């Protein structure tokens, strides 16, 4: 299923929600928590249901590493894409 094709209104709401959440994160770098078992403390994780954002919080501006659905196995997702600890 491709949400952008099958449900364009829902896709736009999702895009707008993610954009708004990332704007909030940009205004408040440092919110969220660490996952020391996944990545070092340069990275923080912030949950906004049902997603998790992994980002470099000390960068100016912050750098988003990934936006992942919370149902995904976060460790496996990150291991396949970036160098975990």
C-alpha atoms as a PDB file:
ATOM      1  CA  UNK A   1       0.000   0.000   0.000  1.00  0.00           C
ATOM      2  CA  UNK A   2       1.321   3.419  -0.957  1.00  0.00           C
ATOM      3  CA  UNK A   3      -0.345   5.995   1.266  1.00  0.00           C
ATOM      4  CA  UNK A   4       0.525   8.880  -1.070  1.00  0.00           C
ATOM      5  CA  UNK A   5      -1.330   7.189  -3.931  1.00  0.00           C
ATOM      6  CA  UNK A   6      -4.124   5.413  -2.071  1.00  0.00           C
ATOM      7  CA  UNK A   7      -4.923   8.075   0.534  1.00  0.00           C
ATOM      8  CA  UNK A   8      -3.432  11.448  -0.426  1.00  0.00           C
ATOM      9  CA  UNK A   9      -5.278  13.353   2.324  1.00  0.00           C
ATOM     10  CA  UNK A  10      -3.905  10.994   4.974  1.00  0.00           C
ATOM     11  CA  UNK A  11      -0.430  11.290   3.446  1.00  0.00           C
ATOM     12  CA  UNK A  12      -0.602  15.079   3.661  1.00  0.00           C
ATOM     13  CA  UNK A  13      -1.729  14.941   7.305  1.00  0.00           C
ATOM     14  CA  UNK A  14       1.161  12.592   8.067  1.00  0.00           C
ATOM     15  CA  UNK A  15       3.659  14.858   6.295  1.00  0.00           C
ATOM     16  CA  UNK A  16       2.338  17.936   8.102  1.00  0.00           C
ATOM     17  CA  UNK A  17       2.451  16.146  11.472  1.00  0.00           C
ATOM     18  CA  UNK A  18       6.034  15.014  10.975  1.00  0.00           C
ATOM     19  CA  UNK A  19       7.059  18.485   9.790  1.00  0.00           C
ATOM     20  CA  UNK A  20       5.457  20.109  12.854  1.00  0.00           C
ATOM     21  CA  UNK A  21       7.132  17.611  15.195  1.00  0.00           C
ATOM     22  CA  UNK A  22      10.542  18.209  13.615  1.00  0.00           C
ATOM     23  CA  UNK A  23      10.072  21.971  13.901  1.00  0.00           C
ATOM     24  CA  UNK A  24       9.408  21.520  17.618  1.00  0.00           C
ATOM     25  CA  UNK A  25      12.521  19.407  17.917  1.00  0.00           C
ATOM     26  CA  UNK A  26      14.546  22.104  16.152  1.00  0.00           C
ATOM     27  CA  UNK A  27      13.312  24.716  18.633  1.00  0.00           C
ATOM     28  CA  UNK A  28      14.086  22.481  21.621  1.00  0.00           C
ATOM     29  CA  UNK A  29      17.212  20.462  20.835  1.00  0.00           C
ATOM     30  CA  UNK A  30      18.013  18.136  23.674  1.00  0.00           C
ATOM     31  CA  UNK A  31      14.491  16.821  24.237  1.00  0.00           C
ATOM     32  CA  UNK A  32      14.182  13.078  24.213  1.00  0.00           C
ATOM     33  CA  UNK A  33      16.432  10.439  25.678  1.00  0.00           C
ATOM     34  CA  UNK A  34      19.580   8.457  25.071  1.00  0.00           C
ATOM     35  CA  UNK A  35      19.794   4.812  24.023  1.00  0.00           C
ATOM     36  CA  UNK A  36      23.323   4.010  25.172  1.00  0.00           C
ATOM     37  CA  UNK A  37      22.869   0.425  24.007  1.00  0.00           C
ATOM     38  CA  UNK A  38      22.325   1.651  20.425  1.00  0.00           C
ATOM     39  CA  UNK A  39      24.381   4.787  19.841  1.00  0.00           C
ATOM     40  CA  UNK A  40      26.668   7.079  21.788  1.00  0.00           C
ATOM     41  CA  UNK A  41      25.424  10.238  23.494  1.00  0.00           C
ATOM     42  CA  UNK A  42      25.863  12.409  20.429  1.00  0.00           C
ATOM     43  CA  UNK A  43      22.489  10.945  19.445  1.00  0.00           C
ATOM     44  CA  UNK A  44      19.180  11.431  21.180  1.00  0.00           C
ATOM     45  CA  UNK A  45      15.873   9.705  20.550  1.00  0.00           C
ATOM     46  CA  UNK A  46      12.523  11.455  20.751  1.00  0.00           C
ATOM     47  CA  UNK A  47       9.173   9.713  20.558  1.00  0.00           C
ATOM     48  CA  UNK A  48       6.190  11.328  18.914  1.00  0.00           C
ATOM     49  CA  UNK A  49       3.555   8.699  18.549  1.00  0.00           C
ATOM     50  CA  UNK A  50       3.847   6.444  16.659  1.00  0.00           C
ATOM     51  CA  UNK A  51       7.312   7.529  15.469  1.00  0.00           C
ATOM     52  CA  UNK A  52      10.807   7.750  16.905  1.00  0.00           C
ATOM     53  CA  UNK A  53      13.292  10.375  15.732  1.00  0.00           C
ATOM     54  CA  UNK A  54      17.012   9.719  16.081  1.00  0.00           C
ATOM     55  CA  UNK A  55      19.047  12.917  15.854  1.00  0.00           C
ATOM     56  CA  UNK A  56      22.391  14.579  16.548  1.00  0.00           C
ATOM     57  CA  UNK A  57      21.353  17.091  19.161  1.00  0.00           C
ATOM     58  CA  UNK A  58      24.512  19.172  19.570  1.00  0.00           C
ATOM     59  CA  UNK A  59      24.756  20.046  15.878  1.00  0.00           C
ATOM     60  CA  UNK A  60      23.615  23.497  14.773  1.00  0.00           C
ATOM     61  CA  UNK A  61      21.122  22.958  13.271  1.00  0.00           C
ATOM     62  CA  UNK A  62      20.288  19.516  14.627  1.00  0.00           C
ATOM     63  CA  UNK A  63      20.759  16.653  12.179  1.00  0.00           C
ATOM     64  CA  UNK A  64      18.020  14.079  11.791  1.00  0.00           C
ATOM     65  CA  UNK A  65      19.440  10.602  11.362  1.00  0.00           C
ATOM     66  CA  UNK A  66      16.166   8.711  11.053  1.00  0.00           C
ATOM     67  CA  UNK A  67      12.419   8.911  11.571  1.00  0.00           C
ATOM     68  CA  UNK A  68      11.228   5.382  12.268  1.00  0.00           C
ATOM     69  CA  UNK A  69       7.815   3.920  13.025  1.00  0.00           C
ATOM     70  CA  UNK A  70       7.769   2.736  16.629  1.00  0.00           C
ATOM     71  CA  UNK A  71       6.721  -0.770  15.583  1.00  0.00           C
ATOM     72  CA  UNK A  72      10.086  -1.275  13.861  1.00  0.00           C
ATOM     73  CA  UNK A  73      12.935  -3.014  15.659  1.00  0.00           C
ATOM     74  CA  UNK A  74      15.058   0.076  16.287  1.00  0.00           C
ATOM     75  CA  UNK A  75      18.371  -1.724  16.843  1.00  0.00           C
ATOM     76  CA  UNK A  76      18.053  -3.697  13.601  1.00  0.00           C
ATOM     77  CA  UNK A  77      16.945  -0.616  11.667  1.00  0.00           C
ATOM     78  CA  UNK A  78      19.921   1.450  12.850  1.00  0.00           C
ATOM     79  CA  UNK A  79      22.419  -1.377  12.422  1.00  0.00           C
ATOM     80  CA  UNK A  80      21.444  -1.654   8.773  1.00  0.00           C
ATOM     81  CA  UNK A  81      21.879   2.076   8.143  1.00  0.00           C
ATOM     82  CA  UNK A  82      24.516   3.627  10.405  1.00  0.00           C
ATOM     83  CA  UNK A  83      27.446   2.507  12.507  1.00  0.00           C
ATOM     84  CA  UNK A  84      26.117   1.636  15.969  1.00  0.00           C
ATOM     85  CA  UNK A  85      28.413   1.517  18.969  1.00  0.00           C
END
